[in-house]
């Protein structure tokens, strides 16, 4: 299982692989209408979307394509969201993405930035890629702010999985 950060820590977060015990907490992400403001997906039920999301993470783990890690708040032991390094294909090119999604109750508290910084630092320290991207909906200004805090810049705009997105990038300094 390449590129996973299981066992890593930040000041406030523990990283571990996702598991079925997280399902009920993450289902709330799919039920909350605010989360769909930024990303269009199939018109299935929140339960189906959550099951598909977890199946996709397991598939990623099994195929060494990275994957999301559960982000656990150290002080409470609660799931705050997911973050990780993902191998993605954008416009026919393979790239490593820093990805992050948080439960709305944990937005605007610095958790996304904290997790994403850890992902960036581990990817570059281990020479996983010469540059990293984040795929961000053109409407998701909070995620853009996280990308900018990481030192990323807006590289280009495209359509990804039916969503208009900006591709943010950071290059490893040599």
Protein backbone atom coordinates (compact mmCIF):
# COMPACT_ATOMS: atom_id res chain seq x y z
CA UNK A 1 0.00 0.00 0.00
CA UNK A 2 2.15 2.78 -1.36
CA UNK A 3 1.85 6.44 -0.48
CA UNK A 4 -0.31 5.98 2.63
CA UNK A 5 0.42 8.05 5.70
CA UNK A 6 -0.98 5.59 8.25
CA UNK A 7 0.82 6.07 11.55
CA UNK A 8 1.83 9.66 10.80
CA UNK A 9 0.91 12.46 13.19
CA UNK A 10 0.61 16.21 13.26
CA UNK A 11 0.10 18.44 16.26
CA UNK A 12 -3.66 17.71 16.32
CA UNK A 13 -4.19 14.77 13.95
CA UNK A 14 -3.43 11.08 13.68
CA UNK A 15 -3.42 9.47 10.21
CA UNK A 16 -4.63 5.90 9.71
CA UNK A 17 -6.18 3.82 6.95
CA UNK A 18 -9.93 4.13 6.55
CA UNK A 19 -12.12 1.32 7.81
CA UNK A 20 -15.79 0.43 8.02
CA UNK A 21 -16.00 1.82 11.57
CA UNK A 22 -15.69 5.30 10.01
CA UNK A 23 -18.73 4.83 7.78
CA UNK A 24 -21.41 6.33 10.06
CA UNK A 25 -19.36 9.45 10.75
CA UNK A 26 -18.44 9.94 7.06
CA UNK A 27 -22.02 9.33 5.94
CA UNK A 28 -22.80 12.74 7.47
CA UNK A 29 -20.47 14.30 4.88
CA UNK A 30 -22.60 12.84 2.10
CA UNK A 31 -25.86 13.82 3.82
CA UNK A 32 -24.91 17.45 4.38
CA UNK A 33 -26.13 19.56 1.41
CA UNK A 34 -23.30 22.07 1.86
CA UNK A 35 -20.71 19.51 0.73
CA UNK A 36 -22.40 19.09 -2.66
CA UNK A 37 -21.99 22.81 -3.35
CA UNK A 38 -18.43 22.12 -4.42
CA UNK A 39 -18.55 18.75 -6.17
CA UNK A 40 -21.10 17.16 -8.49
CA UNK A 41 -21.40 13.40 -8.38
CA UNK A 42 -23.89 10.81 -9.49
CA UNK A 43 -27.43 11.33 -8.30
CA UNK A 44 -27.41 8.43 -5.86
CA UNK A 45 -28.36 8.36 -2.20
CA UNK A 46 -25.89 9.54 0.46
CA UNK A 47 -25.60 5.94 1.63
CA UNK A 48 -24.69 4.74 -1.87
CA UNK A 49 -22.20 7.60 -2.34
CA UNK A 50 -20.53 6.77 0.96
CA UNK A 51 -20.28 3.07 0.08
CA UNK A 52 -18.77 3.95 -3.32
CA UNK A 53 -16.29 6.30 -1.66
CA UNK A 54 -15.07 3.60 0.75
CA UNK A 55 -14.90 0.99 -2.03
CA UNK A 56 -12.77 3.42 -4.06
CA UNK A 57 -10.33 3.85 -1.16
CA UNK A 58 -9.97 0.08 -0.75
CA UNK A 59 -9.41 -0.26 -4.50
CA UNK A 60 -6.72 2.45 -4.33
CA UNK A 61 -5.02 0.70 -1.40
CA UNK A 62 -5.02 -2.66 -3.21
CA UNK A 63 -3.65 -1.16 -6.44
CA UNK A 64 -0.90 1.01 -4.90
CA UNK A 65 -2.57 4.23 -6.05
CA UNK A 66 -2.35 5.94 -2.70
CA UNK A 67 -5.58 6.67 -0.91
CA UNK A 68 -7.23 8.76 1.67
CA UNK A 69 -6.28 8.36 5.29
CA UNK A 70 -8.73 8.85 8.12
CA UNK A 71 -7.83 12.04 9.97
CA UNK A 72 -8.46 11.52 13.66
CA UNK A 73 -8.53 14.45 16.07
CA UNK A 74 -6.01 13.52 18.73
CA UNK A 75 -7.82 15.31 21.57
CA UNK A 76 -11.22 13.65 21.00
CA UNK A 77 -10.49 10.51 18.96
CA UNK A 78 -13.13 11.62 16.44
CA UNK A 79 -12.95 11.43 12.66
CA UNK A 80 -12.61 14.95 11.27
CA UNK A 81 -12.20 13.95 7.64
CA UNK A 82 -9.80 12.37 5.21
CA UNK A 83 -6.57 13.38 3.56
CA UNK A 84 -3.88 11.73 1.56
CA UNK A 85 -1.78 11.27 -1.53
CA UNK A 86 -3.60 9.94 -4.59
CA UNK A 87 -2.34 8.87 -7.97
CA UNK A 88 -4.67 10.60 -10.44
CA UNK A 89 -4.99 10.94 -14.18
CA UNK A 90 -5.79 14.44 -15.39
CA UNK A 91 -6.02 15.19 -19.10
CA UNK A 92 -4.22 11.94 -19.90
CA UNK A 93 -1.29 12.59 -17.57
CA UNK A 94 -0.55 10.84 -14.30
CA UNK A 95 0.08 13.03 -11.27
CA UNK A 96 0.21 12.74 -7.49
CA UNK A 97 -2.51 14.69 -5.75
CA UNK A 98 -2.70 16.08 -2.25
CA UNK A 99 -6.36 15.49 -1.42
CA UNK A 100 -8.40 16.54 1.59
CA UNK A 101 -12.07 16.47 2.60
CA UNK A 102 -13.36 17.38 6.03
CA UNK A 103 -16.67 17.07 7.80
CA UNK A 104 -18.26 20.55 7.78
CA UNK A 105 -18.15 20.76 11.59
CA UNK A 106 -14.33 20.88 11.28
CA UNK A 107 -14.08 23.47 8.49
CA UNK A 108 -12.20 26.71 9.15
CA UNK A 109 -10.15 25.26 12.00
CA UNK A 110 -6.90 24.65 10.13
CA UNK A 111 -7.24 20.86 9.94
CA UNK A 112 -7.18 20.71 6.13
CA UNK A 113 -4.03 22.82 5.98
CA UNK A 114 -2.39 20.78 8.75
CA UNK A 115 -3.13 17.48 6.99
CA UNK A 116 -2.20 18.76 3.53
CA UNK A 117 1.13 20.14 4.76
CA UNK A 118 1.98 16.71 6.19
CA UNK A 119 1.07 15.09 2.86
CA UNK A 120 3.22 17.58 0.94
CA UNK A 121 6.21 17.18 3.23
CA UNK A 122 6.11 13.37 3.19
CA UNK A 123 5.70 13.22 -0.60
CA UNK A 124 8.71 15.46 -1.19
CA UNK A 125 10.86 13.95 1.56
CA UNK A 126 10.35 10.50 0.03
CA UNK A 127 10.78 11.68 -3.58
CA UNK A 128 7.34 10.39 -4.55
CA UNK A 129 7.00 13.08 -7.23
CA UNK A 130 8.76 16.17 -8.57
CA UNK A 131 5.50 18.09 -8.30
CA UNK A 132 2.16 17.64 -6.59
CA UNK A 133 -1.30 18.79 -7.61
CA UNK A 134 -4.64 19.42 -5.96
CA UNK A 135 -7.83 19.10 -8.00
CA UNK A 136 -10.20 21.79 -6.74
CA UNK A 137 -13.66 22.75 -7.96
CA UNK A 138 -13.70 26.28 -9.36
CA UNK A 139 -16.37 27.12 -6.76
CA UNK A 140 -14.40 25.82 -3.76
CA UNK A 141 -12.62 28.92 -2.52
CA UNK A 142 -11.88 27.46 0.94
CA UNK A 143 -9.91 24.58 -0.64
CA UNK A 144 -8.12 27.05 -2.90
CA UNK A 145 -6.99 28.93 0.21
CA UNK A 146 -5.57 25.69 1.63
CA UNK A 147 -3.67 25.04 -1.62
CA UNK A 148 -2.22 28.56 -1.56
CA UNK A 149 -1.08 28.08 2.06
CA UNK A 150 0.85 25.01 0.86
CA UNK A 151 2.72 27.17 -1.64
CA UNK A 152 0.71 25.92 -4.61
CA UNK A 153 -0.20 28.02 -7.63
CA UNK A 154 -3.09 27.71 -10.07
CA UNK A 155 -1.63 25.79 -13.02
CA UNK A 156 -4.64 25.36 -15.32
CA UNK A 157 -8.40 24.84 -15.52
CA UNK A 158 -10.06 21.71 -16.90
CA UNK A 159 -13.01 19.37 -16.48
CA UNK A 160 -12.48 16.42 -14.16
CA UNK A 161 -15.20 13.82 -13.48
CA UNK A 162 -17.81 16.22 -14.84
CA UNK A 163 -16.67 19.09 -12.63
CA UNK A 164 -14.98 22.32 -13.70
CA UNK A 165 -11.79 22.39 -11.68
CA UNK A 166 -8.61 24.32 -11.17
CA UNK A 167 -5.44 22.29 -10.96
CA UNK A 168 -3.14 23.72 -8.32
CA UNK A 169 0.51 22.65 -8.35
CA UNK A 170 3.64 22.84 -6.24
CA UNK A 171 7.07 21.83 -7.49
CA UNK A 172 9.67 20.27 -5.25
CA UNK A 173 12.51 22.66 -4.57
CA UNK A 174 15.85 21.13 -5.39
